[in-house]
C-alpha atoms as a PDB file:
ATOM      1  CA  MET A   1     -41.595 -30.186 247.226  1.00  0.00           C
ATOM      2  CA  GLU A   2     -42.038 -33.949 247.604  1.00  0.00           C
ATOM      3  CA  GLU A   3     -44.142 -34.082 244.449  1.00  0.00           C
ATOM      4  CA  ILE A   4     -41.508 -32.114 242.554  1.00  0.00           C
ATOM      5  CA  GLU A   5     -38.790 -34.483 243.736  1.00  0.00           C
ATOM      6  CA  LYS A   6     -40.840 -37.507 242.612  1.00  0.00           C
ATOM      7  CA  LEU A   7     -41.392 -35.902 239.241  1.00  0.00           C
ATOM      8  CA  ASN A   8     -37.667 -35.233 238.915  1.00  0.00           C
ATOM      9  CA  GLU A   9     -36.989 -38.948 239.277  1.00  0.00           C
ATOM     10  CA  SER A  10     -39.319 -39.822 236.400  1.00  0.00           C
ATOM     11  CA  PRO A  11     -37.481 -40.659 233.141  1.00  0.00           C
ATOM     12  CA  GLU A  12     -40.406 -39.237 231.157  1.00  0.00           C
ATOM     13  CA  PHE A  13     -39.897 -35.883 232.838  1.00  0.00           C
ATOM     14  CA  HIS A  14     -36.338 -35.563 231.543  1.00  0.00           C
ATOM     15  CA  ILE A  15     -37.632 -35.654 227.968  1.00  0.00           C
ATOM     16  CA  TYR A  16     -39.364 -32.305 228.498  1.00  0.00           C
ATOM     17  CA  MET A  17     -36.836 -30.357 230.534  1.00  0.00           C
ATOM     18  CA  THR A  18     -33.072 -30.123 230.818  1.00  0.00           C
ATOM     19  CA  GLU A  19     -31.409 -30.641 234.174  1.00  0.00           C
ATOM     20  CA  GLU A  20     -30.470 -26.960 234.269  1.00  0.00           C
ATOM     21  CA  GLU A  21     -34.068 -25.877 233.637  1.00  0.00           C
ATOM     22  CA  ASP A  22     -35.236 -28.257 236.319  1.00  0.00           C
ATOM     23  CA  ARG A  23     -32.750 -26.891 238.858  1.00  0.00           C
ATOM     24  CA  ARG A  24     -33.752 -23.331 238.022  1.00  0.00           C
ATOM     25  CA  LYS A  25     -37.451 -24.105 238.437  1.00  0.00           C
ATOM     26  CA  CYS A  26     -36.844 -25.919 241.731  1.00  0.00           C
ATOM     27  CA  PHE A  27     -34.813 -22.972 242.981  1.00  0.00           C
ATOM     28  CA  ASN A  28     -37.536 -20.526 241.940  1.00  0.00           C
ATOM     29  CA  THR A  29     -40.123 -22.646 243.745  1.00  0.00           C
ATOM     30  CA  GLU A  30     -38.037 -22.680 246.925  1.00  0.00           C
ATOM     31  CA  VAL A  31     -37.557 -18.908 246.742  1.00  0.00           C
ATOM     32  CA  SER A  32     -41.292 -18.377 246.260  1.00  0.00           C
ATOM     33  CA  LEU A  33     -42.099 -20.589 249.238  1.00  0.00           C
ATOM     34  CA  ALA A  34     -39.552 -18.763 251.393  1.00  0.00           C
ATOM     35  CA  LYS A  35     -41.004 -15.381 250.433  1.00  0.00           C
ATOM     36  CA  LYS A  36     -44.508 -16.608 251.231  1.00  0.00           C
ATOM     37  CA  GLU A  37     -43.362 -17.820 254.664  1.00  0.00           C
ATOM     38  CA  ALA A  38     -41.651 -14.484 255.329  1.00  0.00           C
ATOM     39  CA  ASN A  39     -44.811 -12.614 254.352  1.00  0.00           C
ATOM     40  CA  ILE A  40     -46.872 -14.828 256.647  1.00  0.00           C
ATOM     41  CA  GLU A  41     -44.540 -14.102 259.560  1.00  0.00           C
ATOM     42  CA  THR A  42     -44.702 -10.366 258.812  1.00  0.00           C
ATOM     43  CA  ALA A  43     -48.497 -10.507 258.703  1.00  0.00           C
ATOM     44  CA  LYS A  44     -48.612 -12.390 262.018  1.00  0.00           C
ATOM     45  CA  ASN A  45     -46.382  -9.771 263.616  1.00  0.00           C
ATOM     46  CA  LEU A  46     -48.507  -6.906 262.296  1.00  0.00           C
ATOM     47  CA  LEU A  47     -51.692  -8.601 263.467  1.00  0.00           C
ATOM     48  CA  GLY A  48     -50.189  -9.139 266.900  1.00  0.00           C
ATOM     49  CA  MET A  49     -49.248  -5.478 267.122  1.00  0.00           C
ATOM     50  CA  ASN A  50     -52.744  -4.266 266.079  1.00  0.00           C
ATOM     51  CA  VAL A  51     -51.121  -1.396 264.171  1.00  0.00           C
ATOM     52  CA  THR A  52     -52.822  -1.705 260.793  1.00  0.00           C
ATOM     53  CA  THR A  53     -55.901  -3.019 259.008  1.00  0.00           C
ATOM     54  CA  ILE A  54     -56.284  -6.393 257.324  1.00  0.00           C
ATOM     55  CA  ASP A  55     -56.453  -4.645 253.947  1.00  0.00           C
ATOM     56  CA  GLN A  56     -53.186  -2.819 254.608  1.00  0.00           C
ATOM     57  CA  ILE A  57     -51.494  -6.030 255.763  1.00  0.00           C
ATOM     58  CA  ALA A  58     -52.678  -7.796 252.604  1.00  0.00           C
ATOM     59  CA  LYS A  59     -51.228  -5.039 250.446  1.00  0.00           C
ATOM     60  CA  ALA A  60     -47.946  -4.964 252.359  1.00  0.00           C
ATOM     61  CA  THR A  61     -47.425  -8.738 252.278  1.00  0.00           C
ATOM     62  CA  ASN A  62     -49.077  -9.726 248.983  1.00  0.00           C
ATOM     63  CA  LEU A  63     -51.217 -12.206 250.909  1.00  0.00           C
ATOM     64  CA  SER A  64     -54.942 -12.424 250.279  1.00  0.00           C
ATOM     65  CA  ILE A  65     -57.445 -10.925 252.696  1.00  0.00           C
ATOM     66  CA  THR A  66     -58.714 -14.459 253.355  1.00  0.00           C
ATOM     67  CA  GLU A  67     -55.194 -15.589 254.269  1.00  0.00           C
ATOM     68  CA  ILE A  68     -54.829 -12.619 256.618  1.00  0.00           C
ATOM     69  CA  GLU A  69     -58.197 -13.309 258.246  1.00  0.00           C
ATOM     70  CA  ASN A  70     -57.213 -16.945 258.797  1.00  0.00           C
ATOM     71  CA  LEU A  71     -53.900 -15.860 260.310  1.00  0.00           C
ATOM     72  CA  LYS A  72     -55.746 -13.411 262.545  1.00  0.00           C
ATOM     73  CA  LYS A  73     -57.886 -16.230 263.908  1.00  0.00           C
ATOM     74  CA  LYS A  74     -54.737 -18.231 264.700  1.00  0.00           C
ATOM     75  CA  VAL A  75     -53.006 -15.248 266.347  1.00  0.00           C
ATOM     76  CA  GLU A  76     -56.049 -14.530 268.506  1.00  0.00           C
ATOM     77  CA  SER A  77     -56.450 -18.116 269.727  1.00  0.00           C
END
């Protein structure tokens, strides 16, 4: 988000995008990040409960198998 904010301050940036478009894109980015965080928390909970496989968690959360495996290592430590 810091990089986006810096870009927003650049006069050159305003040539390419209206303020409304910029706000919409920033909002969409924030929503995407929030969804990702929610999916990570869901995956951590499922891993902690040992109720499903890594493949099933990946499908349910739209996270990659690698991301799930990394989360599993963190949950187990």
